Amino acid sequence: MATMITEECINCGACEPECPNTAIYAGGVQWELNGQMHDALSNDFYYIVPEKCTECVGHFDQEQCAAVCPVDCCVPDPNHAETEDQLFARAKKLHTDRQFAELTAATSHYRK
């Protein structure tokens, strides 16, 4: 599943710089993918773009936004259920300039 930010968000901004996919945006800010701009998904609080979220698969052993969130509002999005393979494929597509090694417990929470 992609990760989402709930309405309990206090807009501290701790999550945004932690995202390896630049999938987190402040409320009201347009988001970008493949050079195209899109309307904000929330005007009130930080949000995560599902098309860019990989749950940090390929990068870390846990979602970095959830690890730094002081109010635990970065949670699995039930509307975007995805497999580890789908998330890893997205990471590779988002980061074409990077070579990813095989997934391990250090690069996927699915391997713990």
C-alpha atoms as a PDB file:
ATOM      1  CA  MET A   1       0.000   0.000   0.000  1.00  0.00           C
ATOM      2  CA  ALA A   2       1.074   3.549  -0.552  1.00  0.00           C
ATOM      3  CA  THR A   3       1.429   5.589   2.596  1.00  0.00           C
ATOM      4  CA  MET A   4      -0.955   8.442   3.361  1.00  0.00           C
ATOM      5  CA  ILE A   5      -1.008  11.337   5.805  1.00  0.00           C
ATOM      6  CA  THR A   6      -4.132  11.583   7.927  1.00  0.00           C
ATOM      7  CA  GLU A   7      -5.981  14.721   8.992  1.00  0.00           C
ATOM      8  CA  GLU A   8      -4.181  14.534  12.337  1.00  0.00           C
ATOM      9  CA  CYS A   9      -1.157  16.086  10.569  1.00  0.00           C
ATOM     10  CA  ILE A  10       0.169  19.105  12.469  1.00  0.00           C
ATOM     11  CA  ASN A  11       1.977  20.478   9.386  1.00  0.00           C
ATOM     12  CA  CYS A  12       5.393  20.264  11.021  1.00  0.00           C
ATOM     13  CA  GLY A  13       7.043  19.351   7.705  1.00  0.00           C
ATOM     14  CA  ALA A  14       9.378  16.750   9.195  1.00  0.00           C
ATOM     15  CA  CYS A  15       8.319  14.147   6.633  1.00  0.00           C
ATOM     16  CA  GLU A  16       8.853  16.081   3.406  1.00  0.00           C
ATOM     17  CA  PRO A  17      12.680  16.108   3.258  1.00  0.00           C
ATOM     18  CA  GLU A  18      12.856  12.452   4.349  1.00  0.00           C
ATOM     19  CA  CYS A  19      11.032  11.074   1.300  1.00  0.00           C
ATOM     20  CA  PRO A  20      13.477   9.515  -1.203  1.00  0.00           C
ATOM     21  CA  ASN A  21      10.885   9.881  -3.981  1.00  0.00           C
ATOM     22  CA  THR A  22       9.832  13.499  -3.438  1.00  0.00           C
ATOM     23  CA  ALA A  23       6.288  12.195  -2.965  1.00  0.00           C
ATOM     24  CA  ILE A  24       5.358  14.470  -0.045  1.00  0.00           C
ATOM     25  CA  TYR A  25       4.060  17.984  -0.533  1.00  0.00           C
ATOM     26  CA  ALA A  26       2.749  20.732   1.718  1.00  0.00           C
ATOM     27  CA  GLY A  27      -0.965  21.424   1.614  1.00  0.00           C
ATOM     28  CA  GLY A  28      -1.968  23.523  -1.380  1.00  0.00           C
ATOM     29  CA  VAL A  29       1.256  22.872  -3.277  1.00  0.00           C
ATOM     30  CA  GLN A  30       0.983  21.336  -6.742  1.00  0.00           C
ATOM     31  CA  TRP A  31       2.848  18.084  -7.323  1.00  0.00           C
ATOM     32  CA  GLU A  32       5.029  17.056 -10.256  1.00  0.00           C
ATOM     33  CA  LEU A  33       5.495  13.771 -12.073  1.00  0.00           C
ATOM     34  CA  ASN A  34       7.333  13.297 -15.356  1.00  0.00           C
ATOM     35  CA  GLY A  35       7.469  17.043 -15.915  1.00  0.00           C
ATOM     36  CA  GLN A  36       3.709  17.504 -15.514  1.00  0.00           C
ATOM     37  CA  MET A  37       2.178  19.548 -12.724  1.00  0.00           C
ATOM     38  CA  HIS A  38      -0.945  18.338 -10.897  1.00  0.00           C
ATOM     39  CA  ASP A  39      -3.330  19.984  -8.452  1.00  0.00           C
ATOM     40  CA  ALA A  40      -2.677  19.517  -4.755  1.00  0.00           C
ATOM     41  CA  LEU A  41      -4.319  16.480  -3.176  1.00  0.00           C
ATOM     42  CA  SER A  42      -4.919  18.450   0.027  1.00  0.00           C
ATOM     43  CA  ASN A  43      -5.115  22.158   0.710  1.00  0.00           C
ATOM     44  CA  ASP A  44      -4.980  21.823   4.484  1.00  0.00           C
ATOM     45  CA  PHE A  45      -2.097  19.512   5.389  1.00  0.00           C
ATOM     46  CA  TYR A  46       0.866  17.637   3.958  1.00  0.00           C
ATOM     47  CA  TYR A  47      -0.007  14.822   1.575  1.00  0.00           C
ATOM     48  CA  ILE A  48       1.676  11.899  -0.181  1.00  0.00           C
ATOM     49  CA  VAL A  49       1.226  11.311  -3.909  1.00  0.00           C
ATOM     50  CA  PRO A  50       0.369   7.599  -4.327  1.00  0.00           C
ATOM     51  CA  GLU A  51       1.880   7.512  -7.825  1.00  0.00           C
ATOM     52  CA  LYS A  52       5.257   8.452  -6.324  1.00  0.00           C
ATOM     53  CA  CYS A  53       5.148   6.558  -3.007  1.00  0.00           C
ATOM     54  CA  THR A  54       7.117   3.315  -2.806  1.00  0.00           C
ATOM     55  CA  GLU A  55       6.809   2.850   0.965  1.00  0.00           C
ATOM     56  CA  CYS A  56      10.581   3.421   0.773  1.00  0.00           C
ATOM     57  CA  VAL A  57      10.994  -0.063  -0.791  1.00  0.00           C
ATOM     58  CA  GLY A  58      14.384  -0.141  -2.465  1.00  0.00           C
ATOM     59  CA  HIS A  59      15.687   2.593  -0.179  1.00  0.00           C
ATOM     60  CA  PHE A  60      15.047   1.803   3.492  1.00  0.00           C
ATOM     61  CA  ASP A  61      13.658  -0.848   5.830  1.00  0.00           C
ATOM     62  CA  GLN A  62      10.768   1.399   6.923  1.00  0.00           C
ATOM     63  CA  GLU A  63       8.812   4.352   5.618  1.00  0.00           C
ATOM     64  CA  GLN A  64      10.910   7.368   6.465  1.00  0.00           C
ATOM     65  CA  CYS A  65       7.915   9.693   6.781  1.00  0.00           C
ATOM     66  CA  ALA A  66       6.391   7.450   9.439  1.00  0.00           C
ATOM     67  CA  ALA A  67       9.735   7.163  11.241  1.00  0.00           C
ATOM     68  CA  VAL A  68       9.980  10.944  11.771  1.00  0.00           C
ATOM     69  CA  CYS A  69       6.304  11.840  12.212  1.00  0.00           C
ATOM     70  CA  PRO A  70       5.732  13.144  15.753  1.00  0.00           C
ATOM     71  CA  VAL A  71       1.991  12.375  15.697  1.00  0.00           C
ATOM     72  CA  ASP A  72       2.009   9.034  13.836  1.00  0.00           C
ATOM     73  CA  CYS A  73      -0.202  10.248  10.997  1.00  0.00           C
ATOM     74  CA  CYS A  74       1.750   8.548   8.168  1.00  0.00           C
ATOM     75  CA  VAL A  75      -0.167   5.299   7.759  1.00  0.00           C
ATOM     76  CA  PRO A  76      -0.911   2.682   5.063  1.00  0.00           C
ATOM     77  CA  ASP A  77      -3.440   3.941   2.504  1.00  0.00           C
ATOM     78  CA  PRO A  78      -6.167   1.288   2.172  1.00  0.00           C
ATOM     79  CA  ASN A  79      -7.162   2.741  -1.206  1.00  0.00           C
ATOM     80  CA  HIS A  80      -3.778   1.937  -2.748  1.00  0.00           C
ATOM     81  CA  ALA A  81      -2.901  -1.691  -2.003  1.00  0.00           C
ATOM     82  CA  GLU A  82       0.299  -2.704  -3.798  1.00  0.00           C
ATOM     83  CA  THR A  83       2.829  -5.507  -3.627  1.00  0.00           C
ATOM     84  CA  GLU A  84       6.504  -5.249  -2.868  1.00  0.00           C
ATOM     85  CA  ASP A  85       7.217  -5.986  -6.551  1.00  0.00           C
ATOM     86  CA  GLN A  86       4.979  -3.128  -7.684  1.00  0.00           C
ATOM     87  CA  LEU A  87       6.568  -0.703  -5.245  1.00  0.00           C
ATOM     88  CA  PHE A  88      10.091  -1.746  -6.231  1.00  0.00           C
ATOM     89  CA  ALA A  89       9.254  -1.360  -9.930  1.00  0.00           C
ATOM     90  CA  ARG A  90       7.972   2.149  -9.197  1.00  0.00           C
ATOM     91  CA  ALA A  91      11.187   3.030  -7.353  1.00  0.00           C
ATOM     92  CA  LYS A  92      13.219   1.918 -10.377  1.00  0.00           C
ATOM     93  CA  LYS A  93      10.989   3.933 -12.714  1.00  0.00           C
ATOM     94  CA  LEU A  94      11.256   7.047 -10.550  1.00  0.00           C
ATOM     95  CA  HIS A  95      15.039   6.738 -10.217  1.00  0.00           C
ATOM     96  CA  THR A  96      16.269   5.697 -13.676  1.00  0.00           C
ATOM     97  CA  ASP A  97      19.699   7.108 -12.875  1.00  0.00           C
ATOM     98  CA  ARG A  98      20.209   4.706  -9.960  1.00  0.00           C
ATOM     99  CA  GLN A  99      21.138   1.027  -9.885  1.00  0.00           C
ATOM    100  CA  PHE A 100      19.148  -0.852  -7.265  1.00  0.00           C
ATOM    101  CA  ALA A 101      20.536  -4.004  -5.690  1.00  0.00           C
ATOM    102  CA  GLU A 102      18.281  -6.937  -4.868  1.00  0.00           C
ATOM    103  CA  LEU A 103      15.889  -6.221  -2.030  1.00  0.00           C
ATOM    104  CA  THR A 104      17.004  -7.172   1.471  1.00  0.00           C
ATOM    105  CA  ALA A 105      15.758  -6.565   5.007  1.00  0.00           C
ATOM    106  CA  ALA A 106      17.715  -3.286   4.900  1.00  0.00           C
ATOM    107  CA  THR A 107      15.857  -2.017   1.804  1.00  0.00           C
ATOM    108  CA  SER A 108      12.327  -3.356   2.240  1.00  0.00           C
ATOM    109  CA  HIS A 109      10.067  -3.671   5.252  1.00  0.00           C
ATOM    110  CA  TYR A 110       8.512  -6.685   3.498  1.00  0.00           C
ATOM    111  CA  ARG A 111      11.749  -8.624   4.181  1.00  0.00           C
ATOM    112  CA  LYS A 112      11.799  -8.198   7.972  1.00  0.00           C
END
